[in-house]
Protein backbone atom coordinates (compact mmCIF):
# COMPACT_ATOMS: atom_id res chain seq x y z
CA MET A 1 14.27 -20.59 -8.60
CA THR A 2 11.15 -20.01 -6.39
CA GLU A 3 10.46 -16.33 -5.55
CA GLU A 4 10.39 -15.53 -2.01
CA ILE A 5 7.03 -14.76 -0.40
CA SER A 6 6.58 -12.89 3.01
CA LEU A 7 2.63 -13.50 3.28
CA ARG A 8 0.21 -15.62 1.39
CA GLY A 9 -3.36 -16.12 1.45
CA ALA A 10 -4.63 -19.23 -0.60
CA GLU A 11 -8.13 -20.51 -1.21
CA LEU A 12 -9.60 -18.11 1.28
CA CYS A 13 -13.54 -18.24 1.78
CA LEU A 14 -14.69 -15.31 3.66
CA SER A 15 -18.01 -14.41 4.95
CA TYR A 16 -20.18 -12.10 7.18
CA HIS A 17 -23.12 -13.51 8.90
CA GLY A 18 -23.12 -16.81 6.81
CA ALA A 19 -23.09 -14.91 3.43
CA THR A 20 -19.70 -15.61 1.52
CA VAL A 21 -18.29 -12.36 0.37
CA VAL A 22 -14.81 -13.61 -0.74
CA HIS A 23 -14.62 -16.98 -2.75
CA ASP A 24 -11.06 -18.69 -3.23
CA GLY A 25 -9.39 -15.60 -2.46
CA ARG A 26 -5.62 -15.80 -3.15
CA ILE A 27 -2.67 -13.31 -2.97
CA ALA A 28 0.86 -13.30 -2.11
CA LEU A 29 3.00 -10.47 -0.82
CA ARG A 30 6.69 -10.73 -1.90
CA PRO A 31 9.61 -8.96 -0.13
CA GLY A 32 10.43 -5.40 -1.84
CA HIS A 33 7.18 -5.42 -3.80
CA VAL A 34 4.05 -3.35 -3.62
CA THR A 35 0.71 -5.32 -4.40
CA ALA A 36 -2.23 -3.35 -4.86
CA LEU A 37 -5.79 -4.74 -4.45
CA VAL A 38 -8.30 -2.72 -6.64
CA GLY A 39 -11.90 -3.30 -7.65
CA PRO A 40 -15.39 -1.87 -7.07
CA ASN A 41 -17.07 -1.28 -3.81
CA GLY A 42 -17.94 -4.53 -2.18
CA SER A 43 -15.88 -6.69 -4.10
CA GLY A 44 -13.94 -7.82 -1.31
CA LYS A 45 -10.70 -6.03 -1.21
CA SER A 46 -10.78 -4.85 2.43
CA THR A 47 -12.09 -8.18 3.70
CA LEU A 48 -9.25 -10.07 1.81
CA LEU A 49 -6.63 -7.82 3.37
CA ARG A 50 -8.06 -7.90 6.83
CA ALA A 51 -7.96 -11.75 6.47
CA LEU A 52 -4.25 -11.48 5.80
CA ALA A 53 -4.16 -9.29 9.04
CA ARG A 54 -5.98 -11.95 10.89
CA LEU A 55 -8.71 -9.54 11.62
CA HIS A 56 -11.19 -11.92 9.67
CA ARG A 57 -10.98 -15.62 10.26
CA PRO A 58 -11.57 -17.62 7.27
CA ASP A 59 -14.12 -20.16 6.78
CA SER A 60 -11.65 -22.32 4.83
CA GLY A 61 -8.29 -21.61 3.09
CA ALA A 62 -4.83 -20.86 4.78
CA VAL A 63 -2.86 -17.62 5.52
CA THR A 64 0.89 -18.37 5.77
CA LEU A 65 4.19 -16.60 6.44
CA GLY A 66 7.11 -16.75 4.28
CA ASP A 67 8.92 -19.39 6.31
CA GLY A 68 5.59 -21.85 5.96
CA ALA A 69 4.49 -20.81 9.35
CA ASP A 70 0.67 -20.74 9.84
CA ALA A 71 -0.05 -17.24 10.63
CA LEU A 72 -3.39 -18.15 12.18
CA GLY A 73 -1.53 -20.15 14.75
CA LEU A 74 0.93 -17.79 15.83
CA SER A 75 0.56 -15.69 19.00
CA ALA A 76 -0.63 -12.19 18.63
CA ARG A 77 2.59 -10.76 19.74
CA ASP A 78 4.62 -12.90 17.48
CA PHE A 79 2.22 -12.01 14.41
CA ALA A 80 2.50 -8.31 15.27
CA CYS A 81 6.34 -8.61 15.09
CA ARG A 82 6.14 -9.58 11.63
CA VAL A 83 2.69 -8.16 10.12
CA THR A 84 1.17 -4.67 10.67
CA LEU A 85 -2.14 -3.14 9.36
CA LEU A 86 -3.23 0.58 8.73
CA ALA A 87 -7.00 0.19 8.85
CA GLN A 88 -9.42 2.42 7.33
CA SER A 89 -10.55 3.71 10.86
CA ARG A 90 -9.29 3.56 14.36
CA PRO A 91 -10.45 5.04 17.47
CA THR A 92 -8.99 8.18 18.52
CA PRO A 93 -7.80 8.41 22.15
CA GLY A 94 -8.63 11.43 24.01
CA GLY A 95 -5.69 13.63 25.32
CA VAL A 96 -2.80 11.35 24.17
CA ARG A 97 0.03 12.93 22.63
CA VAL A 98 1.09 11.95 19.10
CA SER A 99 4.38 10.72 20.24
CA ASP A 100 2.86 8.33 22.71
CA VAL A 101 0.32 7.19 20.07
CA VAL A 102 3.20 6.52 17.66
CA GLY A 103 4.84 4.38 20.61
CA TYR A 104 2.11 2.13 20.70
CA GLY A 105 3.59 0.56 17.80
CA ARG A 106 6.36 -0.71 19.97
CA HIS A 107 4.01 -2.79 22.17
CA PRO A 108 4.84 -6.23 20.61
CA TYR A 109 8.55 -5.79 21.70
CA ARG A 110 7.64 -4.93 25.34
CA LYS A 111 7.58 -8.39 27.41
CA ARG A 112 4.96 -8.55 29.92
CA TRP A 113 7.11 -7.94 33.02
CA LYS A 114 9.78 -5.69 31.33
CA ALA A 115 8.80 -2.43 29.83
CA ALA A 116 12.21 -1.90 28.39
CA ASP A 117 12.51 -1.47 24.54
CA PRO A 118 16.08 -0.47 23.62
CA ASP A 119 15.11 0.04 20.04
CA GLY A 120 11.95 1.69 20.68
CA ALA A 121 13.03 5.49 20.82
CA ALA A 122 14.74 5.15 17.59
CA ALA A 123 12.24 3.35 15.71
CA VAL A 124 9.47 5.95 16.89
CA ALA A 125 11.58 8.84 16.07
CA ARG A 126 12.48 7.30 12.49
CA ALA A 127 8.71 6.48 11.91
CA MET A 128 7.52 10.11 12.93
CA GLU A 129 10.21 11.59 10.55
CA LEU A 130 9.29 9.49 7.64
CA THR A 131 5.64 10.44 8.12
CA GLY A 132 6.25 14.12 8.79
CA VAL A 133 4.85 14.19 11.96
CA THR A 134 7.78 15.02 14.26
CA ALA A 135 6.60 18.83 14.59
CA MET A 136 3.40 17.73 16.09
CA ALA A 137 4.91 15.24 18.60
CA GLU A 138 3.56 16.92 21.65
CA ARG A 139 -0.04 17.79 20.40
CA PRO A 140 -3.01 15.83 21.58
CA VAL A 141 -4.14 13.31 18.69
CA ASP A 142 -8.00 14.43 19.17
CA GLU A 143 -6.91 17.96 17.94
CA LEU A 144 -5.46 16.84 14.81
CA SER A 145 -7.30 16.94 11.43
CA GLY A 146 -8.20 13.70 9.48
CA GLY A 147 -5.28 13.91 7.24
CA GLU A 148 -2.77 14.39 10.31
CA LEU A 149 -4.25 11.71 12.12
CA GLN A 150 -3.91 9.33 9.19
CA ARG A 151 -0.39 10.22 8.92
CA VAL A 152 0.05 9.62 12.72
CA TRP A 153 -1.40 6.18 12.67
CA LEU A 154 0.82 5.34 9.71
CA ALA A 155 3.64 6.48 11.75
CA THR A 156 2.42 3.94 14.39
CA CYS A 157 2.51 1.12 11.78
CA LEU A 158 6.06 1.94 10.89
CA ALA A 159 7.33 1.88 14.56
CA GLN A 160 6.00 -1.42 14.85
CA ASP A 161 8.96 -2.30 12.10
CA THR A 162 7.61 -5.30 10.56
CA GLY A 163 8.51 -6.88 7.38
CA VAL A 164 4.85 -6.98 6.00
CA LEU A 165 2.90 -3.68 5.90
CA LEU A 166 -0.71 -3.81 5.06
CA LEU A 167 -2.72 -0.61 4.25
CA ASP A 168 -6.51 0.04 3.80
CA GLU A 169 -7.16 2.85 1.58
CA PRO A 170 -4.46 4.79 3.28
CA THR A 171 -4.77 8.12 1.06
CA THR A 172 -8.34 8.60 2.33
CA PHE A 173 -8.32 12.24 4.06
CA LEU A 174 -4.87 13.18 2.52
CA ASP A 175 -4.47 16.24 0.31
CA LEU A 176 -2.71 15.77 -2.98
CA ARG A 177 0.78 16.54 -1.42
CA TYR A 178 0.55 13.93 1.10
CA GLN A 179 -1.00 11.25 -1.20
CA VAL A 180 1.81 11.57 -3.31
CA GLU A 181 4.30 11.52 -0.33
CA LEU A 182 2.68 8.52 0.93
CA LEU A 183 2.71 6.64 -2.02
CA GLU A 184 6.34 7.65 -2.59
CA LEU A 185 7.09 6.24 1.23
CA MET A 186 5.46 2.87 0.36
CA ARG A 187 7.71 2.69 -2.76
CA ASP A 188 10.87 3.55 -0.54
CA LEU A 189 10.04 0.99 2.12
CA ALA A 190 9.85 -1.53 -0.52
CA ASP A 191 12.87 -0.62 -2.70
CA GLU A 192 15.20 0.31 0.29
CA HIS A 193 13.98 -1.87 3.12
CA GLY A 194 12.47 -4.83 1.56
CA VAL A 195 9.25 -4.56 2.95
CA ALA A 196 6.46 -6.51 1.41
CA ILE A 197 3.28 -4.17 1.07
CA GLY A 198 -0.25 -4.79 0.49
CA VAL A 199 -2.37 -2.00 -0.18
CA VAL A 200 -6.26 -1.36 -1.15
CA LEU A 201 -6.67 1.52 -3.43
CA HIS A 202 -9.58 2.94 -5.11
CA ASP A 203 -7.60 5.26 -7.61
CA LEU A 204 -6.51 3.02 -10.40
CA ASN A 205 -3.97 5.35 -11.55
CA GLN A 206 -2.39 5.39 -7.96
CA ALA A 207 -2.25 1.62 -8.27
CA ALA A 208 -0.66 1.77 -11.74
CA GLU A 209 1.98 4.18 -10.56
CA ILE A 210 2.98 2.43 -7.34
CA ALA A 211 2.35 -1.19 -7.90
CA ASP A 212 4.48 -4.09 -9.07
CA HIS A 213 1.50 -6.23 -8.85
CA VAL A 214 -2.22 -5.73 -9.10
CA VAL A 215 -5.01 -8.00 -7.82
CA LEU A 216 -8.43 -7.00 -9.32
CA LEU A 217 -11.63 -8.40 -7.60
CA HIS A 218 -15.12 -8.43 -8.67
CA GLN A 219 -17.97 -9.89 -7.00
CA GLY A 220 -15.70 -11.36 -4.19
CA ARG A 221 -13.51 -13.28 -6.72
CA VAL A 222 -9.90 -12.58 -7.99
CA ARG A 223 -10.61 -11.51 -11.81
CA ALA A 224 -7.08 -10.82 -12.61
CA ASP A 225 -3.59 -10.52 -11.04
CA GLY A 226 -0.28 -9.63 -12.46
CA PRO A 227 1.65 -6.43 -13.54
CA PRO A 228 -0.24 -3.21 -13.94
CA ALA A 229 -0.15 -3.24 -17.76
CA GLN A 230 -1.73 -6.86 -17.99
CA VAL A 231 -4.35 -6.27 -15.28
CA LEU A 232 -5.37 -2.64 -16.13
CA THR A 233 -6.68 -2.99 -19.57
CA GLU A 234 -9.84 -1.28 -21.25
CA ASP A 235 -11.96 -4.44 -21.64
CA LEU A 236 -11.27 -5.86 -18.26
CA LEU A 237 -11.48 -2.70 -16.30
CA SER A 238 -14.85 -1.41 -18.26
CA ASP A 239 -16.34 -5.02 -17.81
CA THR A 240 -15.34 -4.83 -14.16
CA TYR A 241 -16.55 -1.44 -13.17
CA GLY A 242 -19.55 -1.21 -15.41
CA ILE A 243 -18.47 2.00 -17.21
CA ARG A 244 -16.29 2.61 -20.08
CA ILE A 245 -12.57 3.02 -19.10
CA GLU A 246 -9.96 4.24 -21.39
CA VAL A 247 -6.45 3.23 -20.79
CA SER A 248 -3.18 4.69 -22.09
CA HIS A 249 0.35 3.95 -21.73
CA ASP A 250 3.14 6.68 -21.13
CA PRO A 251 5.65 6.13 -24.08
CA VAL A 252 8.48 6.82 -21.70
CA SER A 253 7.67 5.12 -18.60
CA GLY A 254 5.30 2.56 -19.68
CA THR A 255 2.94 3.62 -16.66
CA VAL A 256 -0.69 2.92 -17.30
CA THR A 257 -3.20 5.74 -16.93
CA THR A 258 -6.94 5.11 -16.68
CA ARG A 259 -9.93 7.57 -17.59
CA PRO A 260 -13.56 6.72 -16.82
CA ILE A 261 -15.90 8.00 -19.47
CA GLY A 262 -19.22 9.44 -18.39
CA ARG A 263 -22.04 10.93 -20.14
CA HIS A 264 -20.55 14.20 -19.48
CA SER A 265 -16.90 13.53 -20.16
CA LYS A 266 -15.17 15.91 -22.62
CA SER A 267 -13.47 14.36 -25.57
CA VAL A 268 -10.03 14.75 -25.75
CA ILE A 269 -8.86 15.60 -29.46
CA ALA A 270 -5.45 14.63 -30.39
CA THR A 271 -3.36 17.35 -32.31
CA THR A 272 -0.19 16.79 -34.50
């Protein structure tokens, strides 16, 4: 039986100003699964994610949805009802309330001459509750901290209520509590609602903790992809990042833990 796929990128060649930055990019996002894209700076992670979101048009290759539809051929409205992206940065509108910004996520469901959106209010309320921003509903977004604003933009994406959620370094600006809560929310969306999630992460331990599947990129190519324990190995990571990286496995959960070893790293002495 073939495993269901929500969004796929195949044989993608992506470039900036004639210089190719992703070669033969491939990735498949599956319902109920979290796929993490990891790799050094400049390896092509965000570019590949943007291509899936139709924000970077491929020189060659294909982006297709689960029903086989060419994602690049859909109208902007139809695509936005199926796929949403939390980008690294967005312009902050001045003087606009949090609740109104979250409501932007309902735009694809409002027809040109009909502003009615019967499910809109409930979707906005749910998105704000899930992201913990309900209490700041009446506050102007340009008065929020970076971490608060990041949660508001995530709520906007959730209000869009799509089957595919793409996130580009979503833990940026968040303190430890909200990093953990956001990662747990991603896991809940996949496990309880069947959302297909693709997320760019720099923290390898976060990727190991949250992801079902990891795609490791290096110099614009997919170096490895598979379950975290198969991809996040000492030899592969050390060679990819150019620094010694130790990898251990939790004996109970089996979760991978990585530890970069620099010149001043303190040795850990095991005791019995």
